[in-house]
Each structure stands twice: as structure tokens, then as C-alpha cells.
């Protein structure tokens, strides 16, 4: 087999650390711009800000659930107080009805006559 020679497209004077072999790309592309430290500082600060906002939204959801629970507990307390007041009112009405019934029974009674002894 005959020796294969490869030629470069680079101008003379540029060194290359690429390996010259068959089926390998012999050209290196360098980006026109590079990201500097200022970009990384801005990127990290934006990332931290977004993470903080997500945390705040999650914690505010918990607070809203706490407010809803407190509202329901307050309503339960009010209803229990109302139930107790109605129980007292029911007891008063029941006692008044029983008192009226006793007065009716007493009004139908007749005064007792003097009683005598039976002699044998």
C-alpha cells in the first residue's frame, strides 16, 4: 500500500495539536467570543433570584392554607357558641312549658273538704 500524505489548510506558521489520522477532523474551530466572569456572576445571581422566588411562592401557599384553616376553626368556634346558646334557650322553653303544665294541673284541683273519722 502506498503512503498517504495529508496537507493542511492552515496558513503557514500556525501550529496544530490535532492528530493527523484517517477519518479524523483535522480542523479546530474556536468560538468568536467567550463567556467571561461577569457573565457567570450575572447568571448565578439570576439563578439564585429565581430559586428564591420559587421558595417564596411555595412558602406563601403554606401561609394561605394556614389562613384558610384558621378561618374554618373560627367558624367552628362561632357555631359551637351558637349551639350552646340554643341549648340554653331550649332548656328555658322546656322549663317554662313544664311550669305551665303544672299550673294547669294545679288549677283543676279542688280544695279538700274537712275529713272526719269513721267510727266503728
PDB file of N, CA and C in Angstrom:
ATOM      1  N   UNK A   1       0.838  -1.161   0.000  1.00  0.00           N
ATOM      2  CA  UNK A   1       0.000   0.000   0.000  1.00  0.00           C
ATOM      3  C   UNK A   1       0.894   1.238   0.000  1.00  0.00           C
ATOM      4  N   UNK A   2       0.461   2.225  -0.720  1.00  0.00           N
ATOM      5  CA  UNK A   2       1.253   3.432  -0.857  1.00  0.00           C
ATOM      6  C   UNK A   2       1.001   4.351   0.332  1.00  0.00           C
ATOM      7  N   UNK A   3       1.951   5.152   0.681  1.00  0.00           N
ATOM      8  CA  UNK A   3       1.823   6.086   1.793  1.00  0.00           C
ATOM      9  C   UNK A   3       0.867   7.203   1.406  1.00  0.00           C
ATOM     10  N   UNK A   4       0.048   7.600   2.380  1.00  0.00           N
ATOM     11  CA  UNK A   4      -0.910   8.671   2.140  1.00  0.00           C
ATOM     12  C   UNK A   4      -0.396   9.920   2.826  1.00  0.00           C
ATOM     13  N   UNK A   5      -0.421  11.016   2.103  1.00  0.00           N
ATOM     14  CA  UNK A   5       0.036  12.281   2.651  1.00  0.00           C
ATOM     15  C   UNK A   5      -1.154  13.223   2.794  1.00  0.00           C
ATOM     16  N   UNK A   6      -1.164  13.901   3.905  1.00  0.00           N
ATOM     17  CA  UNK A   6      -2.242  14.855   4.158  1.00  0.00           C
ATOM     18  C   UNK A   6      -1.676  16.257   4.146  1.00  0.00           C
ATOM     19  N   UNK A   7      -2.433  17.173   3.616  1.00  0.00           N
ATOM     20  CA  UNK A   7      -1.987  18.559   3.625  1.00  0.00           C
ATOM     21  C   UNK A   7      -2.958  19.368   4.491  1.00  0.00           C
ATOM     22  N   UNK A   8      -2.468  20.420   5.060  1.00  0.00           N
ATOM     23  CA  UNK A   8      -3.280  21.258   5.932  1.00  0.00           C
ATOM     24  C   UNK A   8      -3.810  22.464   5.194  1.00  0.00           C
ATOM     25  N   UNK A   9      -4.909  22.985   5.656  1.00  0.00           N
ATOM     26  CA  UNK A   9      -5.472  24.192   5.077  1.00  0.00           C
ATOM     27  C   UNK A   9      -5.059  25.421   5.877  1.00  0.00           C
ATOM     28  N   UNK A  10      -4.336  25.205   6.934  1.00  0.00           N
ATOM     29  CA  UNK A  10      -3.928  26.326   7.760  1.00  0.00           C
ATOM     30  C   UNK A  10      -2.793  27.083   7.102  1.00  0.00           C
ATOM     31  N   UNK A  11      -2.813  28.379   7.374  1.00  0.00           N
ATOM     32  CA  UNK A  11      -1.692  29.165   6.837  1.00  0.00           C
ATOM     33  C   UNK A  11      -0.385  28.747   7.521  1.00  0.00           C
ATOM     34  N   UNK A  12       0.656  29.007   6.887  1.00  0.00           N
ATOM     35  CA  UNK A  12       1.962  28.622   7.429  1.00  0.00           C
ATOM     36  C   UNK A  12       2.237  29.390   8.711  1.00  0.00           C
ATOM     37  N   UNK A  13       2.829  28.760   9.714  1.00  0.00           N
ATOM     38  CA  UNK A  13       3.189  29.423  10.952  1.00  0.00           C
ATOM     39  C   UNK A  13       2.253  29.079  12.099  1.00  0.00           C
ATOM     40  N   UNK A  14       1.096  28.473  11.827  1.00  0.00           N
ATOM     41  CA  UNK A  14       0.197  28.073  12.912  1.00  0.00           C
ATOM     42  C   UNK A  14       0.470  26.627  13.265  1.00  0.00           C
ATOM     43  N   UNK A  15       0.645  26.418  14.558  1.00  0.00           N
ATOM     44  CA  UNK A  15       0.898  25.045  14.977  1.00  0.00           C
ATOM     45  C   UNK A  15      -0.432  24.378  15.308  1.00  0.00           C
ATOM     46  N   UNK A  16      -0.459  23.108  15.194  1.00  0.00           N
ATOM     47  CA  UNK A  16      -1.680  22.364  15.450  1.00  0.00           C
ATOM     48  C   UNK A  16      -1.368  21.220  16.395  1.00  0.00           C
ATOM     49  N   UNK A  17      -2.269  21.024  17.341  1.00  0.00           N
ATOM     50  CA  UNK A  17      -2.083  19.884  18.227  1.00  0.00           C
ATOM     51  C   UNK A  17      -3.029  18.765  17.826  1.00  0.00           C
ATOM     52  N   UNK A  18      -3.727  18.920  16.690  1.00  0.00           N
ATOM     53  CA  UNK A  18      -4.648  17.898  16.229  1.00  0.00           C
ATOM     54  C   UNK A  18      -3.867  16.694  15.729  1.00  0.00           C
ATOM     55  N   UNK A  19      -4.451  15.553  15.869  1.00  0.00           N
ATOM     56  CA  UNK A  19      -3.804  14.330  15.394  1.00  0.00           C
ATOM     57  C   UNK A  19      -4.153  14.131  13.930  1.00  0.00           C
ATOM     58  N   UNK A  20      -3.149  13.802  13.173  1.00  0.00           N
ATOM     59  CA  UNK A  20      -3.379  13.574  11.763  1.00  0.00           C
ATOM     60  C   UNK A  20      -3.627  12.095  11.570  1.00  0.00           C
ATOM     61  N   UNK A  21      -4.855  11.754  11.269  1.00  0.00           N
ATOM     62  CA  UNK A  21      -5.168  10.361  11.005  1.00  0.00           C
ATOM     63  C   UNK A  21      -6.369  10.308  10.076  1.00  0.00           C
ATOM     64  N   UNK A  22      -6.559   9.167   9.534  1.00  0.00           N
ATOM     65  CA  UNK A  22      -7.666   8.979   8.622  1.00  0.00           C
ATOM     66  C   UNK A  22      -8.984   9.075   9.386  1.00  0.00           C
ATOM     67  N   UNK A  23     -10.022   9.651   8.782  1.00  0.00           N
ATOM     68  CA  UNK A  23     -11.363   9.810   9.337  1.00  0.00           C
ATOM     69  C   UNK A  23     -11.406  10.633  10.627  1.00  0.00           C
ATOM     70  N   UNK A  24     -10.463  11.502  10.830  1.00  0.00           N
ATOM     71  CA  UNK A  24     -10.499  12.440  11.951  1.00  0.00           C
ATOM     72  C   UNK A  24     -10.519  13.850  11.398  1.00  0.00           C
ATOM     73  N   UNK A  25     -11.232  14.691  12.090  1.00  0.00           N
ATOM     74  CA  UNK A  25     -11.311  16.072  11.677  1.00  0.00           C
ATOM     75  C   UNK A  25     -10.013  16.772  12.071  1.00  0.00           C
ATOM     76  N   UNK A  26      -9.352  17.368  11.120  1.00  0.00           N
ATOM     77  CA  UNK A  26      -8.058  17.988  11.384  1.00  0.00           C
ATOM     78  C   UNK A  26      -8.181  19.481  11.631  1.00  0.00           C
ATOM     79  N   UNK A  27      -9.408  20.003  11.730  1.00  0.00           N
ATOM     80  CA  UNK A  27      -9.596  21.432  11.901  1.00  0.00           C
ATOM     81  C   UNK A  27     -10.218  21.683  13.261  1.00  0.00           C
ATOM     82  N   UNK A  28      -9.680  22.644  13.983  1.00  0.00           N
ATOM     83  CA  UNK A  28     -10.266  23.056  15.256  1.00  0.00           C
ATOM     84  C   UNK A  28     -10.936  24.394  15.072  1.00  0.00           C
ATOM     85  N   UNK A  29     -12.156  24.464  15.580  1.00  0.00           N
ATOM     86  CA  UNK A  29     -12.878  25.722  15.500  1.00  0.00           C
ATOM     87  C   UNK A  29     -12.891  26.350  16.885  1.00  0.00           C
ATOM     88  N   UNK A  30     -12.504  27.584  16.922  1.00  0.00           N
ATOM     89  CA  UNK A  30     -12.526  28.315  18.187  1.00  0.00           C
ATOM     90  C   UNK A  30     -13.677  29.315  18.134  1.00  0.00           C
ATOM     91  N   UNK A  31     -14.423  29.448  19.234  1.00  0.00           N
ATOM     92  CA  UNK A  31     -15.544  30.390  19.195  1.00  0.00           C
ATOM     93  C   UNK A  31     -15.046  31.827  19.058  1.00  0.00           C
ATOM     94  N   UNK A  32     -15.879  32.649  18.444  1.00  0.00           N
ATOM     95  CA  UNK A  32     -15.518  34.049  18.252  1.00  0.00           C
ATOM     96  C   UNK A  32     -15.551  34.819  19.563  1.00  0.00           C
ATOM     97  N   UNK A  33     -16.391  34.399  20.477  1.00  0.00           N
ATOM     98  CA  UNK A  33     -16.479  35.086  21.770  1.00  0.00           C
ATOM     99  C   UNK A  33     -16.454  34.042  22.879  1.00  0.00           C
ATOM    100  N   UNK A  34     -16.049  34.465  24.039  1.00  0.00           N
ATOM    101  CA  UNK A  34     -16.017  33.581  25.200  1.00  0.00           C
ATOM    102  C   UNK A  34     -16.788  34.243  26.328  1.00  0.00           C
ATOM    103  N   UNK A  35     -17.385  33.418  27.166  1.00  0.00           N
ATOM    104  CA  UNK A  35     -18.130  33.932  28.303  1.00  0.00           C
ATOM    105  C   UNK A  35     -17.154  34.239  29.422  1.00  0.00           C
ATOM    106  N   UNK A  36     -17.213  35.447  29.923  1.00  0.00           N
ATOM    107  CA  UNK A  36     -16.274  35.880  30.947  1.00  0.00           C
ATOM    108  C   UNK A  36     -16.845  35.743  32.348  1.00  0.00           C
ATOM    109  N   UNK A  37     -16.089  36.160  33.336  1.00  0.00           N
ATOM    110  CA  UNK A  37     -16.514  36.034  34.724  1.00  0.00           C
ATOM    111  C   UNK A  37     -17.734  36.903  35.057  1.00  0.00           C
ATOM    112  N   UNK A  38     -17.897  38.018  34.368  1.00  0.00           N
ATOM    113  CA  UNK A  38     -19.059  38.882  34.625  1.00  0.00           C
ATOM    114  C   UNK A  38     -20.344  38.139  34.250  1.00  0.00           C
ATOM    115  N   UNK A  39     -20.308  37.429  33.122  1.00  0.00           N
ATOM    116  CA  UNK A  39     -21.471  36.656  32.715  1.00  0.00           C
ATOM    117  C   UNK A  39     -21.807  35.600  33.761  1.00  0.00           C
ATOM    118  N   UNK A  40     -20.818  34.901  34.258  1.00  0.00           N
ATOM    119  CA  UNK A  40     -21.072  33.863  35.259  1.00  0.00           C
ATOM    120  C   UNK A  40     -21.642  34.450  36.542  1.00  0.00           C
ATOM    121  N   UNK A  41     -21.164  35.597  36.950  1.00  0.00           N
ATOM    122  CA  UNK A  41     -21.698  36.245  38.159  1.00  0.00           C
ATOM    123  C   UNK A  41     -23.161  36.631  37.939  1.00  0.00           C
ATOM    124  N   UNK A  42     -23.460  37.202  36.779  1.00  0.00           N
ATOM    125  CA  UNK A  42     -24.843  37.581  36.473  1.00  0.00           C
ATOM    126  C   UNK A  42     -25.727  36.334  36.387  1.00  0.00           C
ATOM    127  N   UNK A  43     -25.239  35.283  35.737  1.00  0.00           N
ATOM    128  CA  UNK A  43     -26.008  34.045  35.596  1.00  0.00           C
ATOM    129  C   UNK A  43     -26.315  33.427  36.954  1.00  0.00           C
ATOM    130  N   UNK A  44     -25.342  33.368  37.837  1.00  0.00           N
ATOM    131  CA  UNK A  44     -25.556  32.784  39.164  1.00  0.00           C
ATOM    132  C   UNK A  44     -26.516  33.636  39.981  1.00  0.00           C
ATOM    133  N   UNK A  45     -26.388  34.960  39.895  1.00  0.00           N
ATOM    134  CA  UNK A  45     -27.300  35.819  40.661  1.00  0.00           C
ATOM    135  C   UNK A  45     -28.737  35.702  40.148  1.00  0.00           C
ATOM    136  N   UNK A  46     -28.916  35.586  38.828  1.00  0.00           N
ATOM    137  CA  UNK A  46     -30.269  35.387  38.287  1.00  0.00           C
ATOM    138  C   UNK A  46     -30.816  34.037  38.729  1.00  0.00           C
ATOM    139  N   UNK A  47     -29.990  33.017  38.705  1.00  0.00           N
ATOM    140  CA  UNK A  47     -30.411  31.675  39.130  1.00  0.00           C
ATOM    141  C   UNK A  47     -30.818  31.678  40.600  1.00  0.00           C
ATOM    142  N   UNK A  48     -30.032  32.323  41.443  1.00  0.00           N
ATOM    143  CA  UNK A  48     -30.356  32.398  42.873  1.00  0.00           C
ATOM    144  C   UNK A  48     -31.641  33.196  43.074  1.00  0.00           C
ATOM    145  N   UNK A  49     -31.841  34.265  42.312  1.00  0.00           N
ATOM    146  CA  UNK A  49     -33.068  35.059  42.424  1.00  0.00           C
ATOM    147  C   UNK A  49     -34.293  34.235  42.040  1.00  0.00           C
ATOM    148  N   UNK A  50     -34.200  33.481  40.970  1.00  0.00           N
ATOM    149  CA  UNK A  50     -35.321  32.643  40.542  1.00  0.00           C
ATOM    150  C   UNK A  50     -35.607  31.571  41.581  1.00  0.00           C
ATOM    151  N   UNK A  51     -34.565  30.945  42.126  1.00  0.00           N
ATOM    152  CA  UNK A  51     -34.760  29.932  43.167  1.00  0.00           C
ATOM    153  C   UNK A  51     -35.414  30.555  44.400  1.00  0.00           C
ATOM    154  N   UNK A  52     -35.028  31.773  44.760  1.00  0.00           N
ATOM    155  CA  UNK A  52     -35.643  32.463  45.898  1.00  0.00           C
ATOM    156  C   UNK A  52     -37.107  32.767  45.661  1.00  0.00           C
ATOM    157  N   UNK A  53     -37.450  33.192  44.440  1.00  0.00           N
ATOM    158  CA  UNK A  53     -38.852  33.454  44.117  1.00  0.00           C
ATOM    159  C   UNK A  53     -39.690  32.180  44.180  1.00  0.00           C
ATOM    160  N   UNK A  54     -39.146  31.089  43.707  1.00  0.00           N
ATOM    161  CA  UNK A  54     -39.861  29.813  43.794  1.00  0.00           C
ATOM    162  C   UNK A  54     -40.078  29.436  45.251  1.00  0.00           C
ATOM    163  N   UNK A  55     -39.062  29.616  46.072  1.00  0.00           N
ATOM    164  CA  UNK A  55     -39.195  29.313  47.504  1.00  0.00           C
ATOM    165  C   UNK A  55     -40.266  30.184  48.150  1.00  0.00           C
ATOM    166  N   UNK A  56     -40.278  31.467  47.819  1.00  0.00           N
ATOM    167  CA  UNK A  56     -41.276  32.375  48.399  1.00  0.00           C
ATOM    168  C   UNK A  56     -42.690  32.006  47.980  1.00  0.00           C
ATOM    169  N   UNK A  57     -42.891  31.621  46.725  1.00  0.00           N
ATOM    170  CA  UNK A  57     -44.230  31.233  46.295  1.00  0.00           C
ATOM    171  C   UNK A  57     -44.691  29.978  47.013  1.00  0.00           C
ATOM    172  N   UNK A  58     -43.777  29.040  47.224  1.00  0.00           N
ATOM    173  CA  UNK A  58     -44.156  27.810  47.931  1.00  0.00           C
ATOM    174  C   UNK A  58     -44.495  28.107  49.384  1.00  0.00           C
ATOM    175  N   UNK A  59     -43.723  28.966  50.033  1.00  0.00           N
ATOM    176  CA  UNK A  59     -43.998  29.272  51.439  1.00  0.00           C
ATOM    177  C   UNK A  59     -45.260  30.111  51.582  1.00  0.00           C
ATOM    178  N   UNK A  60     -45.588  30.933  50.581  1.00  0.00           N
ATOM    179  CA  UNK A  60     -46.827  31.708  50.664  1.00  0.00           C
ATOM    180  C   UNK A  60     -48.043  30.804  50.486  1.00  0.00           C
ATOM    181  N   UNK A  61     -47.912  29.711  49.739  1.00  0.00           N
ATOM    182  CA  UNK A  61     -49.006  28.753  49.628  1.00  0.00           C
ATOM    183  C   UNK A  61     -49.307  28.141  50.988  1.00  0.00           C
ATOM    184  N   UNK A  62     -48.261  27.817  51.737  1.00  0.00           N
ATOM    185  CA  UNK A  62     -48.444  27.250  53.073  1.00  0.00           C
ATOM    186  C   UNK A  62     -49.142  28.263  53.971  1.00  0.00           C
ATOM    187  N   UNK A  63     -48.757  29.520  53.872  1.00  0.00           N
ATOM    188  CA  UNK A  63     -49.381  30.564  54.684  1.00  0.00           C
ATOM    189  C   UNK A  63     -50.854  30.714  54.320  1.00  0.00           C
ATOM    190  N   UNK A  64     -51.187  30.641  53.050  1.00  0.00           N
ATOM    191  CA  UNK A  64     -52.598  30.761  52.653  1.00  0.00           C
ATOM    192  C   UNK A  64     -53.402  29.581  53.171  1.00  0.00           C
ATOM    193  N   UNK A  65     -52.799  28.386  53.199  1.00  0.00           N
ATOM    194  CA  UNK A  65     -53.501  27.235  53.777  1.00  0.00           C
ATOM    195  C   UNK A  65     -53.704  27.439  55.271  1.00  0.00           C
ATOM    196  N   UNK A  66     -52.710  28.015  55.957  1.00  0.00           N
ATOM    197  CA  UNK A  66     -52.853  28.296  57.386  1.00  0.00           C
ATOM    198  C   UNK A  66     -53.991  29.287  57.633  1.00  0.00           C
ATOM    199  N   UNK A  67     -54.095  30.298  56.794  1.00  0.00           N
ATOM    200  CA  UNK A  67     -55.182  31.268  56.943  1.00  0.00           C
ATOM    201  C   UNK A  67     -56.541  30.614  56.719  1.00  0.00           C
ATOM    202  N   UNK A  68     -56.630  29.724  55.745  1.00  0.00           N
ATOM    203  CA  UNK A  68     -57.895  29.029  55.483  1.00  0.00           C
ATOM    204  C   UNK A  68     -58.274  28.144  56.666  1.00  0.00           C
ATOM    205  N   UNK A  69     -57.292  27.461  57.242  1.00  0.00           N
ATOM    206  CA  UNK A  69     -57.550  26.607  58.400  1.00  0.00           C
ATOM    207  C   UNK A  69     -57.994  27.446  59.590  1.00  0.00           C
ATOM    208  N   UNK A  70     -57.349  28.579  59.812  1.00  0.00           N
ATOM    209  CA  UNK A  70     -57.728  29.456  60.923  1.00  0.00           C
ATOM    210  C   UNK A  70     -59.146  29.982  60.723  1.00  0.00           C
ATOM    211  N   UNK A  71     -59.520  30.298  59.491  1.00  0.00           N
ATOM    212  CA  UNK A  71     -60.868  30.779  59.196  1.00  0.00           C
ATOM    213  C   UNK A  71     -61.899  29.702  59.508  1.00  0.00           C
ATOM    214  N   UNK A  72     -61.632  28.471  59.110  1.00  0.00           N
ATOM    215  CA  UNK A  72     -62.565  27.371  59.382  1.00  0.00           C
ATOM    216  C   UNK A  72     -62.659  27.113  60.883  1.00  0.00           C
ATOM    217  N   UNK A  73     -61.535  27.158  61.580  1.00  0.00           N
ATOM    218  CA  UNK A  73     -61.564  26.957  63.039  1.00  0.00           C
ATOM    219  C   UNK A  73     -62.362  28.058  63.729  1.00  0.00           C
ATOM    220  N   UNK A  74     -62.233  29.284  63.268  1.00  0.00           N
ATOM    221  CA  UNK A  74     -63.004  30.394  63.827  1.00  0.00           C
ATOM    222  C   UNK A  74     -64.495  30.175  63.599  1.00  0.00           C
ATOM    223  N   UNK A  75     -64.849  29.722  62.408  1.00  0.00           N
ATOM    224  CA  UNK A  75     -66.254  29.453  62.100  1.00  0.00           C
ATOM    225  C   UNK A  75     -66.793  28.323  62.980  1.00  0.00           C
ATOM    226  N   UNK A  76     -65.990  27.306  63.209  1.00  0.00           N
ATOM    227  CA  UNK A  76     -66.403  26.192  64.085  1.00  0.00           C
ATOM    228  C   UNK A  76     -66.646  26.694  65.499  1.00  0.00           C
ATOM    229  N   UNK A  77     -65.760  27.545  65.992  1.00  0.00           N
ATOM    230  CA  UNK A  77     -65.914  28.091  67.344  1.00  0.00           C
ATOM    231  C   UNK A  77     -67.203  28.912  67.450  1.00  0.00           C
ATOM    232  N   UNK A  78     -67.482  29.733  66.435  1.00  0.00           N
ATOM    233  CA  UNK A  78     -68.711  30.533  66.436  1.00  0.00           C
ATOM    234  C   UNK A  78     -69.952  29.643  66.428  1.00  0.00           C
ATOM    235  N   UNK A  79     -69.935  28.594  65.623  1.00  0.00           N
ATOM    236  CA  UNK A  79     -71.080  27.695  65.553  1.00  0.00           C
ATOM    237  C   UNK A  79     -71.284  26.929  66.862  1.00  0.00           C
ATOM    238  N   UNK A  80     -70.184  26.550  67.519  1.00  0.00           N
ATOM    239  CA  UNK A  80     -70.311  25.871  68.817  1.00  0.00           C
ATOM    240  C   UNK A  80     -70.922  26.807  69.857  1.00  0.00           C
ATOM    241  N   UNK A  81     -70.526  28.080  69.863  1.00  0.00           N
ATOM    242  CA  UNK A  81     -71.095  29.046  70.804  1.00  0.00           C
ATOM    243  C   UNK A  81     -72.584  29.241  70.513  1.00  0.00           C
ATOM    244  N   UNK A  82     -72.938  29.278  69.241  1.00  0.00           N
ATOM    245  CA  UNK A  82     -74.338  29.426  68.855  1.00  0.00           C
ATOM    246  C   UNK A  82     -75.141  28.188  69.286  1.00  0.00           C
ATOM    247  N   UNK A  83     -74.559  27.014  69.136  1.00  0.00           N
ATOM    248  CA  UNK A  83     -75.229  25.776  69.565  1.00  0.00           C
ATOM    249  C   UNK A  83     -75.473  25.780  71.068  1.00  0.00           C
ATOM    250  N   UNK A  84     -74.471  26.218  71.844  1.00  0.00           N
ATOM    251  CA  UNK A  84     -74.624  26.282  73.303  1.00  0.00           C
ATOM    252  C   UNK A  84     -75.719  27.276  73.697  1.00  0.00           C
ATOM    253  N   UNK A  85     -75.781  28.416  73.011  1.00  0.00           N
ATOM    254  CA  UNK A  85     -76.821  29.406  73.309  1.00  0.00           C
ATOM    255  C   UNK A  85     -78.203  28.843  72.994  1.00  0.00           C
ATOM    256  N   UNK A  86     -78.312  28.101  71.896  1.00  0.00           N
ATOM    257  CA  UNK A  86     -79.595  27.483  71.555  1.00  0.00           C
ATOM    258  C   UNK A  86     -79.974  26.394  72.549  1.00  0.00           C
ATOM    259  N   UNK A  87     -79.010  25.667  73.086  1.00  0.00           N
ATOM    260  CA  UNK A  87     -79.293  24.644  74.091  1.00  0.00           C
ATOM    261  C   UNK A  87     -79.841  25.290  75.360  1.00  0.00           C
ATOM    262  N   UNK A  88     -79.269  26.426  75.758  1.00  0.00           N
ATOM    263  CA  UNK A  88     -79.757  27.147  76.946  1.00  0.00           C
ATOM    264  C   UNK A  88     -81.177  27.648  76.698  1.00  0.00           C
ATOM    265  N   UNK A  89     -81.427  28.206  75.516  1.00  0.00           N
ATOM    266  CA  UNK A  89     -82.762  28.702  75.190  1.00  0.00           C
ATOM    267  C   UNK A  89     -83.778  27.556  75.167  1.00  0.00           C
ATOM    268  N   UNK A  90     -83.382  26.410  74.652  1.00  0.00           N
ATOM    269  CA  UNK A  90     -84.247  25.235  74.630  1.00  0.00           C
ATOM    270  C   UNK A  90     -84.587  24.789  76.047  1.00  0.00           C
ATOM    271  N   UNK A  91     -83.600  24.811  76.930  1.00  0.00           N
ATOM    272  CA  UNK A  91     -83.843  24.416  78.328  1.00  0.00           C
ATOM    273  C   UNK A  91     -84.825  25.384  78.991  1.00  0.00           C
ATOM    274  N   UNK A  92     -84.696  26.682  78.711  1.00  0.00           N
ATOM    275  CA  UNK A  92     -85.613  27.675  79.291  1.00  0.00           C
ATOM    276  C   UNK A  92     -87.040  27.445  78.801  1.00  0.00           C
ATOM    277  N   UNK A  93     -87.180  27.213  77.499  1.00  0.00           N
ATOM    278  CA  UNK A  93     -88.520  26.994  76.933  1.00  0.00           C
ATOM    279  C   UNK A  93     -89.132  25.717  77.490  1.00  0.00           C
ATOM    280  N   UNK A  94     -88.332  24.669  77.611  1.00  0.00           N
ATOM    281  CA  UNK A  94     -88.822  23.403  78.154  1.00  0.00           C
ATOM    282  C   UNK A  94     -89.256  23.584  79.600  1.00  0.00           C
ATOM    283  N   UNK A  95     -88.482  24.305  80.376  1.00  0.00           N
ATOM    284  CA  UNK A  95     -88.831  24.541  81.783  1.00  0.00           C
ATOM    285  C   UNK A  95     -90.105  25.376  81.878  1.00  0.00           C
ATOM    286  N   UNK A  96     -90.277  26.364  81.033  1.00  0.00           N
ATOM    287  CA  UNK A  96     -91.481  27.196  81.056  1.00  0.00           C
ATOM    288  C   UNK A  96     -92.704  26.369  80.681  1.00  0.00           C
ATOM    289  N   UNK A  97     -92.568  25.467  79.694  1.00  0.00           N
ATOM    290  CA  UNK A  97     -93.694  24.623  79.288  1.00  0.00           C
ATOM    291  C   UNK A  97     -94.072  23.677  80.422  1.00  0.00           C
ATOM    292  N   UNK A  98     -93.093  23.120  81.107  1.00  0.00           N
ATOM    293  CA  UNK A  98     -93.372  22.214  82.231  1.00  0.00           C
ATOM    294  C   UNK A  98     -94.047  22.992  83.355  1.00  0.00           C
ATOM    295  N   UNK A  99     -93.646  24.234  83.577  1.00  0.00           N
ATOM    296  CA  UNK A  99     -94.237  25.058  84.625  1.00  0.00           C
ATOM    297  C   UNK A  99     -95.701  25.361  84.297  1.00  0.00           C
ATOM    298  N   UNK A 100     -95.988  25.678  83.036  1.00  0.00           N
ATOM    299  CA  UNK A 100     -97.368  25.927  82.627  1.00  0.00           C
ATOM    300  C   UNK A 100     -98.223  24.678  82.804  1.00  0.00           C
ATOM    301  N   UNK A 101     -97.656  23.525  82.490  1.00  0.00           N
ATOM    302  CA  UNK A 101     -98.390  22.271  82.637  1.00  0.00           C
ATOM    303  C   UNK A 101     -98.716  22.017  84.107  1.00  0.00           C
ATOM    304  N   UNK A 102     -97.776  22.296  84.993  1.00  0.00           N
ATOM    305  CA  UNK A 102     -98.013  22.123  86.426  1.00  0.00           C
ATOM    306  C   UNK A 102     -99.094  23.095  86.905  1.00  0.00           C
ATOM    307  N   UNK A 103     -99.081  24.319  86.386  1.00  0.00           N
ATOM    308  CA  UNK A 103    -100.112  25.297  86.761  1.00  0.00           C
ATOM    309  C   UNK A 103    -101.489  24.839  86.293  1.00  0.00           C
ATOM    310  N   UNK A 104    -101.593  24.220  85.094  1.00  0.00           N
ATOM    311  CA  UNK A 104    -102.864  23.718  84.601  1.00  0.00           C
ATOM    312  C   UNK A 104    -103.400  22.614  85.507  1.00  0.00           C
ATOM    313  N   UNK A 105    -102.513  21.699  85.884  1.00  0.00           N
ATOM    314  CA  UNK A 105    -102.918  20.597  86.762  1.00  0.00           C
ATOM    315  C   UNK A 105    -103.355  21.157  88.108  1.00  0.00           C
ATOM    316  N   UNK A 106    -102.657  22.126  88.612  1.00  0.00           N
ATOM    317  CA  UNK A 106    -102.995  22.705  89.916  1.00  0.00           C
ATOM    318  C   UNK A 106    -104.303  23.462  89.846  1.00  0.00           C
ATOM    319  N   UNK A 107    -104.608  24.087  88.712  1.00  0.00           N
ATOM    320  CA  UNK A 107    -105.847  24.861  88.615  1.00  0.00           C
ATOM    321  C   UNK A 107    -107.082  23.970  88.553  1.00  0.00           C
ATOM    322  N   UNK A 108    -106.934  22.743  88.104  1.00  0.00           N
ATOM    323  CA  UNK A 108    -108.074  21.836  88.046  1.00  0.00           C
ATOM    324  C   UNK A 108    -108.335  21.143  89.378  1.00  0.00           C
ATOM    325  N   UNK A 109    -107.451  21.289  90.318  1.00  0.00           N
ATOM    326  CA  UNK A 109    -107.634  20.650  91.627  1.00  0.00           C
ATOM    327  C   UNK A 109    -108.696  21.398  92.434  1.00  0.00           C
ATOM    328  N   UNK A 110    -109.374  20.662  93.273  1.00  0.00           N
ATOM    329  CA  UNK A 110    -110.420  21.233  94.110  1.00  0.00           C
ATOM    330  C   UNK A 110    -109.902  21.274  95.542  1.00  0.00           C
ATOM    331  N   UNK A 111    -110.381  22.227  96.281  1.00  0.00           N
ATOM    332  CA  UNK A 111    -109.943  22.334  97.673  1.00  0.00           C
ATOM    333  C   UNK A 111    -110.495  21.139  98.460  1.00  0.00           C
ATOM    334  N   UNK A 112    -109.750  20.665  99.316  1.00  0.00           N
ATOM    335  CA  UNK A 112    -110.134  19.480 100.094  1.00  0.00           C
ATOM    336  C   UNK A 112    -111.179  19.845 101.145  1.00  0.00           C
ATOM    337  N   UNK A 113    -112.140  18.952 101.396  1.00  0.00           N
ATOM    338  CA  UNK A 113    -113.161  19.123 102.426  1.00  0.00           C
ATOM    339  C   UNK A 113    -112.584  18.620 103.734  1.00  0.00           C
ATOM    340  N   UNK A 114    -113.175  19.041 104.779  1.00  0.00           N
ATOM    341  CA  UNK A 114    -112.673  18.536 106.046  1.00  0.00           C
ATOM    342  C   UNK A 114    -113.026  17.074 106.153  1.00  0.00           C
ATOM    343  N   UNK A 115    -112.134  16.335 106.641  1.00  0.00           N
ATOM    344  CA  UNK A 115    -112.357  14.896 106.709  1.00  0.00           C
ATOM    345  C   UNK A 115    -112.686  14.488 108.130  1.00  0.00           C
ATOM    346  N   UNK A 116    -113.468  13.528 108.232  1.00  0.00           N
ATOM    347  CA  UNK A 116    -113.836  13.038 109.543  1.00  0.00           C
ATOM    348  C   UNK A 116    -113.318  11.625 109.724  1.00  0.00           C
ATOM    349  N   UNK A 117    -113.436  11.187 110.939  1.00  0.00           N
ATOM    350  CA  UNK A 117    -113.000   9.828 111.221  1.00  0.00           C
ATOM    351  C   UNK A 117    -114.198   8.905 111.180  1.00  0.00           C
ATOM    352  N   UNK A 118    -113.970   7.753 110.730  1.00  0.00           N
ATOM    353  CA  UNK A 118    -115.039   6.757 110.682  1.00  0.00           C
ATOM    354  C   UNK A 118    -114.995   5.984 111.984  1.00  0.00           C
ATOM    355  N   UNK A 119    -116.122   5.882 112.618  1.00  0.00           N
ATOM    356  CA  UNK A 119    -116.121   5.140 113.871  1.00  0.00           C
ATOM    357  C   UNK A 119    -116.785   3.779 113.642  1.00  0.00           C
ATOM    358  N   UNK A 120    -116.394   2.889 114.357  1.00  0.00           N
ATOM    359  CA  UNK A 120    -116.918   1.547 114.219  1.00  0.00           C
ATOM    360  C   UNK A 120    -117.993   1.277 115.194  1.00  0.00           C
TER     361      UNK A 120
END
